[in-house]
């Protein structure tokens, strides 16, 4: 309907927009983005409703251009372009198509669920990512409703003081983003950079000695119950092995263990390994080395020396995902229309 009302010669934008709105309206957001998480479906529903309103508003705006609604004394072509671009930008924000600062998203895995086998099996990855990780994301978003949302990295510093939801769910969201990014399909993670290897040798004797000490820190006798084992760069730029309970991490003020910038971390919660290894946590940790992404760890080490902690916001993972895999969860709908104001309007 929108397309049929568009001015002659200027129907491309209206028709493409109408098609997108009609598809979302008829099929519904859940079908357009099947398998998305609950908070993502909610976002898509808002965008779908806004998209229909946007189409009508865009038509009105285009009619205004035809009627020469421009500021007195201004260049007609330039004013029309500026007015339309600014108006549509505001409409996009109101419709929810332009992202505002809002809920954290479940980070997509940057590889297939079975890409880490045999070290970590497909079923474990499905449950770990789609259920456990998603629960942390959902709960921290609930805790932040109606409040100012910091970056995920900024949230960590005061998480312990801010309360259990920030500490457990905010920490769990960050830690799992970090975890997925520091791993790579078997045989593709490379080796530690010469700079990082030298630092490991200087701090622990050798790479093999480092691995043995790291595994010991994560053994049930050392980290009883749930938690994480970390390699951090401390305030003196030295490498230190530490461990934290539950979903705490070394970025949190008041954390049990060494405060510092994490560059490597192993999840030793049972849900990370129990389907395959049952009670054999040491076997899981030994096998885990085969999927460590040393290229990423080496890059984080360079950043840590400069005082920069991993953002762990999922940006690099999302980029790696493009064209690499089909996931049943996480992701945003893509509406296929273009805003080519320069070419279509004000000529």
Protein backbone atom coordinates (compact mmCIF):
# COMPACT_ATOMS: atom_id res chain seq x y z
CA UNK A 1 0.00 0.00 0.00
CA UNK A 2 2.84 2.36 0.82
CA UNK A 3 4.47 1.67 -2.54
CA UNK A 4 1.27 2.33 -4.48
CA UNK A 5 0.99 5.80 -2.91
CA UNK A 6 4.59 6.81 -3.59
CA UNK A 7 5.18 9.66 -6.07
CA UNK A 8 5.90 8.66 -9.65
CA UNK A 9 9.59 7.97 -10.22
CA UNK A 10 10.30 7.68 -6.52
CA UNK A 11 8.74 4.33 -5.62
CA UNK A 12 11.92 2.28 -5.06
CA UNK A 13 12.33 3.28 -1.43
CA UNK A 14 8.63 2.93 -0.63
CA UNK A 15 8.22 -0.42 -2.32
CA UNK A 16 11.27 -2.01 -0.72
CA UNK A 17 10.23 -0.64 2.66
CA UNK A 18 6.68 -1.87 2.21
CA UNK A 19 7.87 -5.33 1.26
CA UNK A 20 10.01 -5.56 4.40
CA UNK A 21 7.23 -4.28 6.65
CA UNK A 22 4.69 -6.65 5.04
CA UNK A 23 6.96 -9.68 5.53
CA UNK A 24 7.45 -8.88 9.20
CA UNK A 25 3.76 -8.11 9.69
CA UNK A 26 2.53 -11.32 8.01
CA UNK A 27 5.13 -13.74 9.35
CA UNK A 28 5.79 -12.21 12.72
CA UNK A 29 9.16 -11.43 14.28
CA UNK A 30 9.65 -14.92 15.80
CA UNK A 31 9.47 -16.53 12.34
CA UNK A 32 11.72 -13.95 10.72
CA UNK A 33 14.39 -14.61 13.35
CA UNK A 34 13.64 -18.16 14.39
CA UNK A 35 15.59 -19.28 17.45
CA UNK A 36 16.47 -15.77 18.69
CA UNK A 37 16.70 -15.20 22.43
CA UNK A 38 13.76 -13.69 24.31
CA UNK A 39 15.27 -10.23 24.56
CA UNK A 40 16.14 -10.26 20.86
CA UNK A 41 12.58 -11.29 19.89
CA UNK A 42 11.28 -8.40 21.98
CA UNK A 43 13.57 -5.99 20.14
CA UNK A 44 12.49 -7.36 16.79
CA UNK A 45 8.82 -6.96 17.66
CA UNK A 46 9.41 -3.29 18.49
CA UNK A 47 11.29 -2.81 15.24
CA UNK A 48 8.56 -4.51 13.22
CA UNK A 49 5.89 -2.23 14.64
CA UNK A 50 8.09 0.78 14.13
CA UNK A 51 8.86 -0.22 10.57
CA UNK A 52 5.21 0.03 9.51
CA UNK A 53 4.93 3.48 11.08
CA UNK A 54 8.21 4.47 9.45
CA UNK A 55 6.90 3.57 6.01
CA UNK A 56 3.92 5.87 6.37
CA UNK A 57 6.11 8.65 7.74
CA UNK A 58 8.58 8.24 4.88
CA UNK A 59 5.75 8.61 2.38
CA UNK A 60 4.60 11.82 4.07
CA UNK A 61 8.17 13.12 4.03
CA UNK A 62 8.53 12.37 0.33
CA UNK A 63 5.29 14.26 -0.37
CA UNK A 64 6.65 17.20 1.58
CA UNK A 65 9.66 17.22 -0.72
CA UNK A 66 7.42 17.28 -3.77
CA UNK A 67 5.55 20.28 -2.33
CA UNK A 68 8.87 22.16 -1.89
CA UNK A 69 8.71 22.38 1.91
CA UNK A 70 12.14 24.01 2.36
CA UNK A 71 13.48 26.80 4.48
CA UNK A 72 13.19 30.29 2.92
CA UNK A 73 16.39 31.43 1.25
CA UNK A 74 18.03 27.98 1.37
CA UNK A 75 19.30 25.98 -1.55
CA UNK A 76 16.30 23.91 -2.62
CA UNK A 77 18.16 20.68 -3.48
CA UNK A 78 20.49 20.81 -0.48
CA UNK A 79 17.70 21.73 1.93
CA UNK A 80 15.51 18.92 0.70
CA UNK A 81 18.29 16.40 1.15
CA UNK A 82 19.19 17.66 4.64
CA UNK A 83 15.58 17.81 5.75
CA UNK A 84 14.82 14.32 4.52
CA UNK A 85 18.00 12.74 5.88
CA UNK A 86 17.55 14.36 9.28
CA UNK A 87 13.87 13.53 9.43
CA UNK A 88 14.33 9.89 8.51
CA UNK A 89 17.20 9.59 11.00
CA UNK A 90 14.88 10.72 13.77
CA UNK A 91 12.17 8.37 12.52
CA UNK A 92 14.59 5.44 12.51
CA UNK A 93 15.47 6.10 16.12
CA UNK A 94 11.84 6.38 17.10
CA UNK A 95 11.02 3.17 15.26
CA UNK A 96 13.78 1.28 17.07
CA UNK A 97 15.72 0.46 13.89
CA UNK A 98 18.72 2.53 14.91
CA UNK A 99 20.23 0.87 17.97
CA UNK A 100 19.98 2.78 21.21
CA UNK A 101 21.95 1.93 24.34
CA UNK A 102 19.98 -1.01 25.67
CA UNK A 103 20.27 -4.66 26.66
CA UNK A 104 23.38 -6.78 26.25
CA UNK A 105 23.08 -9.43 23.55
CA UNK A 106 23.99 -13.09 23.68
CA UNK A 107 27.29 -13.22 21.84
CA UNK A 108 27.19 -15.66 18.92
CA UNK A 109 29.81 -18.37 18.87
CA UNK A 110 32.54 -17.52 16.34
CA UNK A 111 32.63 -21.17 15.22
CA UNK A 112 30.33 -24.19 14.91
CA UNK A 113 29.16 -26.07 18.00
CA UNK A 114 31.29 -29.09 17.07
CA UNK A 115 34.38 -27.09 16.07
CA UNK A 116 36.17 -27.71 19.40
CA UNK A 117 35.84 -31.49 19.33
CA UNK A 118 37.29 -33.71 20.64
CA UNK A 119 38.35 -31.37 23.45
CA UNK A 120 34.81 -30.03 24.00
CA UNK A 121 31.85 -31.89 22.53
CA UNK A 122 28.99 -30.43 20.52
CA UNK A 123 26.30 -31.16 23.12
CA UNK A 124 28.26 -29.36 25.84
CA UNK A 125 28.72 -26.32 23.62
CA UNK A 126 25.01 -26.20 22.83
CA UNK A 127 23.96 -26.33 26.48
CA UNK A 128 26.79 -24.12 27.69
CA UNK A 129 26.19 -21.33 25.19
CA UNK A 130 22.46 -21.49 24.46
CA UNK A 131 21.27 -22.21 28.00
CA UNK A 132 23.83 -21.27 30.66
CA UNK A 133 25.37 -18.25 28.95
CA UNK A 134 21.99 -17.04 27.77
CA UNK A 135 20.66 -17.18 31.34
CA UNK A 136 23.43 -14.84 32.53
CA UNK A 137 22.64 -12.39 29.72
CA UNK A 138 18.90 -12.48 30.47
CA UNK A 139 19.39 -11.92 34.20
CA UNK A 140 21.83 -9.01 33.93
CA UNK A 141 19.46 -7.33 31.47
CA UNK A 142 16.62 -7.70 33.97
CA UNK A 143 18.79 -6.18 36.71
CA UNK A 144 19.60 -3.19 34.50
CA UNK A 145 16.05 -2.42 33.34
CA UNK A 146 15.41 1.29 33.70
CA UNK A 147 19.01 1.98 34.73
CA UNK A 148 22.05 3.41 33.01
CA UNK A 149 23.86 0.62 31.20
CA UNK A 150 27.65 0.76 31.19
CA UNK A 151 29.78 -1.22 28.78
CA UNK A 152 30.20 -4.84 29.78
CA UNK A 153 33.85 -4.17 30.62
CA UNK A 154 33.02 -1.16 32.82
CA UNK A 155 30.40 -3.22 34.65
CA UNK A 156 33.05 -5.61 35.98
CA UNK A 157 34.98 -3.13 38.12
CA UNK A 158 32.20 -2.49 40.64
CA UNK A 159 30.25 -5.73 40.13
CA UNK A 160 30.97 -7.13 43.59
CA UNK A 161 29.90 -3.91 45.33
CA UNK A 162 26.84 -3.52 43.07
CA UNK A 163 25.23 -6.76 44.19
CA UNK A 164 24.67 -10.43 43.28
CA UNK A 165 23.01 -9.84 39.90
CA UNK A 166 25.92 -7.70 38.69
CA UNK A 167 28.52 -10.01 40.18
CA UNK A 168 27.02 -13.33 39.09
CA UNK A 169 25.16 -12.52 35.89
CA UNK A 170 27.26 -9.55 34.79
CA UNK A 171 30.41 -11.50 35.54
CA UNK A 172 29.02 -14.61 33.86
CA UNK A 173 28.19 -12.66 30.70
CA UNK A 174 31.67 -11.15 30.46
CA UNK A 175 33.48 -14.37 31.37
CA UNK A 176 31.69 -16.44 28.75
CA UNK A 177 32.19 -13.85 26.00
CA UNK A 178 35.88 -13.95 26.91
CA UNK A 179 35.88 -17.76 26.96
CA UNK A 180 34.39 -18.21 23.48
CA UNK A 181 36.82 -15.68 21.98
CA UNK A 182 39.93 -17.22 23.53
CA UNK A 183 39.21 -20.58 21.89
CA UNK A 184 39.47 -21.64 18.25
CA UNK A 185 38.73 -24.79 16.25
CA UNK A 186 41.24 -27.55 16.87
CA UNK A 187 44.54 -26.85 15.13
CA UNK A 188 43.82 -23.22 14.24
CA UNK A 189 44.73 -21.32 17.43
CA UNK A 190 48.41 -20.91 16.58
CA UNK A 191 51.15 -20.56 19.20
CA UNK A 192 52.01 -17.95 21.79
CA UNK A 193 53.85 -14.97 20.32
CA UNK A 194 57.58 -14.83 21.02
CA UNK A 195 56.97 -11.94 23.43
CA UNK A 196 54.32 -13.84 25.37
CA UNK A 197 56.34 -17.08 25.27
CA UNK A 198 59.35 -15.26 26.72
CA UNK A 199 57.20 -13.79 29.48
CA UNK A 200 55.74 -17.21 30.31
CA UNK A 201 59.21 -18.79 30.39
CA UNK A 202 60.46 -15.99 32.63
CA UNK A 203 57.55 -16.24 35.05
CA UNK A 204 57.04 -20.02 35.20
CA UNK A 205 60.16 -21.69 33.80
CA UNK A 206 58.71 -23.06 30.56
CA UNK A 207 55.44 -23.41 28.71
CA UNK A 208 55.03 -26.95 30.07
CA UNK A 209 55.67 -25.76 33.62
CA UNK A 210 53.14 -22.98 33.13
CA UNK A 211 50.48 -25.42 31.93
CA UNK A 212 51.12 -27.73 34.88
CA UNK A 213 50.78 -24.85 37.37
CA UNK A 214 47.67 -23.55 35.63
CA UNK A 215 46.04 -26.99 35.75
CA UNK A 216 46.97 -27.36 39.42
CA UNK A 217 45.26 -24.05 40.21
CA UNK A 218 42.08 -25.38 38.59
CA UNK A 219 42.12 -28.83 40.19
CA UNK A 220 39.21 -29.65 42.53
CA UNK A 221 41.48 -29.51 45.54
CA UNK A 222 42.63 -25.97 44.72
CA UNK A 223 39.41 -24.50 43.28
CA UNK A 224 36.71 -26.38 45.13
CA UNK A 225 33.33 -26.15 43.48
CA UNK A 226 32.66 -23.76 40.64
CA UNK A 227 34.94 -21.06 39.32
CA UNK A 228 37.61 -20.01 36.87
CA UNK A 229 41.39 -20.20 36.50
CA UNK A 230 43.14 -17.18 34.97
CA UNK A 231 46.43 -15.96 33.59
CA UNK A 232 46.58 -12.23 34.34
CA UNK A 233 48.88 -9.30 33.84
CA UNK A 234 49.14 -7.68 37.27
CA UNK A 235 49.76 -4.04 38.20
CA UNK A 236 53.51 -4.55 37.75
CA UNK A 237 53.00 -6.02 34.24
CA UNK A 238 53.96 -9.47 35.50
CA UNK A 239 52.20 -12.70 34.56
CA UNK A 240 50.37 -14.35 37.46
CA UNK A 241 48.13 -17.43 37.72
CA UNK A 242 45.06 -16.94 39.89
CA UNK A 243 41.60 -18.42 40.36
CA UNK A 244 38.23 -16.99 41.28
CA UNK A 245 35.00 -18.50 42.65
CA UNK A 246 31.72 -18.67 40.76
CA UNK A 247 31.56 -15.93 38.08
CA UNK A 248 34.06 -13.55 39.65
CA UNK A 249 36.98 -12.39 37.53
CA UNK A 250 40.26 -10.51 38.12
CA UNK A 251 38.81 -7.21 36.90
CA UNK A 252 36.47 -6.92 39.90
CA UNK A 253 37.50 -4.73 42.81
CA UNK A 254 37.54 -6.84 45.96
CA UNK A 255 37.95 -10.13 44.12
CA UNK A 256 39.38 -13.17 45.89
CA UNK A 257 42.73 -13.69 44.17
CA UNK A 258 45.00 -11.43 42.14
CA UNK A 259 43.54 -8.24 40.67
CA UNK A 260 44.72 -7.70 37.11
CA UNK A 261 43.92 -7.89 33.41
CA UNK A 262 42.95 -11.41 32.30
CA UNK A 263 44.42 -12.73 29.04
CA UNK A 264 43.55 -16.43 29.47
CA UNK A 265 40.82 -18.13 31.47
CA UNK A 266 39.46 -21.65 31.86
CA UNK A 267 35.89 -22.27 32.98
CA UNK A 268 35.92 -25.05 35.59
CA UNK A 269 32.21 -25.07 36.35
CA UNK A 270 30.85 -28.59 35.90
CA UNK A 271 28.53 -27.48 33.11
CA UNK A 272 31.64 -26.70 31.04
CA UNK A 273 32.77 -30.32 30.91
CA UNK A 274 30.50 -32.78 32.73
CA UNK A 275 28.69 -34.32 29.74
CA UNK A 276 31.99 -35.57 28.33
CA UNK A 277 34.35 -35.81 31.31
CA UNK A 278 31.97 -36.30 34.28
CA UNK A 279 34.10 -35.85 37.45
CA UNK A 280 37.43 -35.79 35.56
CA UNK A 281 38.13 -32.06 35.57
CA UNK A 282 41.91 -32.53 35.19
CA UNK A 283 41.34 -34.45 31.94
CA UNK A 284 39.17 -31.64 30.62
CA UNK A 285 41.82 -29.04 31.41
CA UNK A 286 44.58 -31.02 29.72
CA UNK A 287 42.50 -31.42 26.59
CA UNK A 288 41.45 -27.76 26.64
CA UNK A 289 44.93 -26.60 25.65
CA UNK A 290 44.30 -28.00 22.16
CA UNK A 291 41.65 -25.36 21.48
CA UNK A 292 43.26 -22.29 23.07
CA UNK A 293 43.41 -19.42 20.60
CA UNK A 294 46.97 -18.30 21.27
CA UNK A 295 46.69 -15.69 18.54
CA UNK A 296 43.96 -13.96 20.54
CA UNK A 297 45.73 -14.46 23.86
CA UNK A 298 48.94 -12.95 22.45
CA UNK A 299 47.00 -9.93 21.20
CA UNK A 300 45.37 -9.47 24.60
CA UNK A 301 48.79 -9.69 26.23
CA UNK A 302 50.04 -6.77 24.12
CA UNK A 303 46.95 -4.77 25.08
CA UNK A 304 47.32 -5.65 28.76
CA UNK A 305 50.88 -4.33 28.83
CA UNK A 306 49.41 -1.04 27.65
CA UNK A 307 46.77 -1.17 30.39
CA UNK A 308 43.88 -2.23 28.15
CA UNK A 309 41.59 -5.09 29.21
CA UNK A 310 39.65 -7.26 26.74
CA UNK A 311 36.30 -5.66 25.96
CA UNK A 312 34.70 -9.11 25.51
CA UNK A 313 31.66 -7.46 23.94
CA UNK A 314 31.35 -10.00 21.14
CA UNK A 315 32.24 -7.60 18.31
CA UNK A 316 35.10 -9.66 16.92
CA UNK A 317 33.12 -12.85 17.35
CA UNK A 318 30.20 -11.43 15.37
CA UNK A 319 32.57 -10.40 12.60
CA UNK A 320 34.09 -13.88 12.48
CA UNK A 321 30.62 -15.37 12.34
CA UNK A 322 29.59 -13.71 9.08
CA UNK A 323 29.34 -16.40 6.44
CA UNK A 324 30.89 -19.02 8.71
CA UNK A 325 27.97 -20.82 10.33
CA UNK A 326 24.25 -20.91 10.87
CA UNK A 327 23.24 -20.55 14.51
CA UNK A 328 19.88 -21.35 16.11
CA UNK A 329 20.30 -18.45 18.53
CA UNK A 330 21.66 -14.96 18.71
CA UNK A 331 21.56 -12.52 15.87
CA UNK A 332 19.43 -9.69 14.59
CA UNK A 333 17.02 -9.48 11.68
CA UNK A 334 18.29 -7.84 8.54
CA UNK A 335 15.77 -5.74 6.68
CA UNK A 336 16.81 -5.53 3.05
CA UNK A 337 16.27 -1.93 2.06
CA UNK A 338 18.59 0.96 1.27
CA UNK A 339 18.45 4.64 2.10
CA UNK A 340 19.93 6.22 -1.00
CA UNK A 341 18.71 9.74 -0.39
CA UNK A 342 21.25 11.42 -2.67
CA UNK A 343 20.26 9.36 -5.67
CA UNK A 344 16.52 9.18 -5.15
CA UNK A 345 15.55 12.47 -3.61
CA UNK A 346 16.18 16.15 -4.16
CA UNK A 347 17.49 15.78 -7.70
